[in-house]
């Protein structure tokens, strides 16, 4: 932040927190989404095909402030309403495969309804200019670089039962920017005729997917490495040929 801006120190702190998950680059129009044509390496597709319903699905990421100056800033809720993907569900659950991806340029920041649903750590009324600035900077070269890497891709590598009932764990290959990372995703599913629903919640560190948490003033102002990811996915069986 340049000294020539001459704004109050408290405002500087707020702006720094809003920039916490990001760099600063102009945003180009998003590239159109497309379903990956190949599964993760070593995984074959078999079983009944289900196409993800983008309008009924949602992924949110909760990002938390930290440091001695944390009270001056906000926690943030980042969301995708534009998930695209496909799942193949055979009788043998261990052979399930899926691809889910989303365009980072279409992410939203701090929708009022989502902040309310997230609980008391996410009070309402984040200023509009802060939301716009946060998204612009989040897509910059320092973090997601939406200009060059518009999509985050999630591909299943293995699925296994996790306890009783419909709880499973999926080993997922997450492709963020130009790098791939393995993460374990706990989820619950419900298959009702031609509709598949999947829900999950998990902690995730920024460093787990190759991102460096923001830090300023020797760590007095920072974004915590830990995030919380929640998702609700709805998919419908593809028509039989």
Foldseek 3Di string as FASTA:
>chain_A
DDPVVPDDPLVVLALCQLLFLFAADADDPADDDDEDPDADPPADADAFKWWWDLQVKKKKKWWAKDAQCRVSYAIKIKMGSGKTKMWHDHPPRFNIKMKIKGFLLRIFMQDPVVLVVVDDSRDDDDDPVSRVRSSNGNCPPQHQVSVQHGMKMKIFDTKDADDDDFKIKTFIWIQGRHDTATDIWIWGWDDDPFKIKIWGKDKDFSVRNPHDGGAPPNRNITIGRIMMMIIIIMIGTDDDD
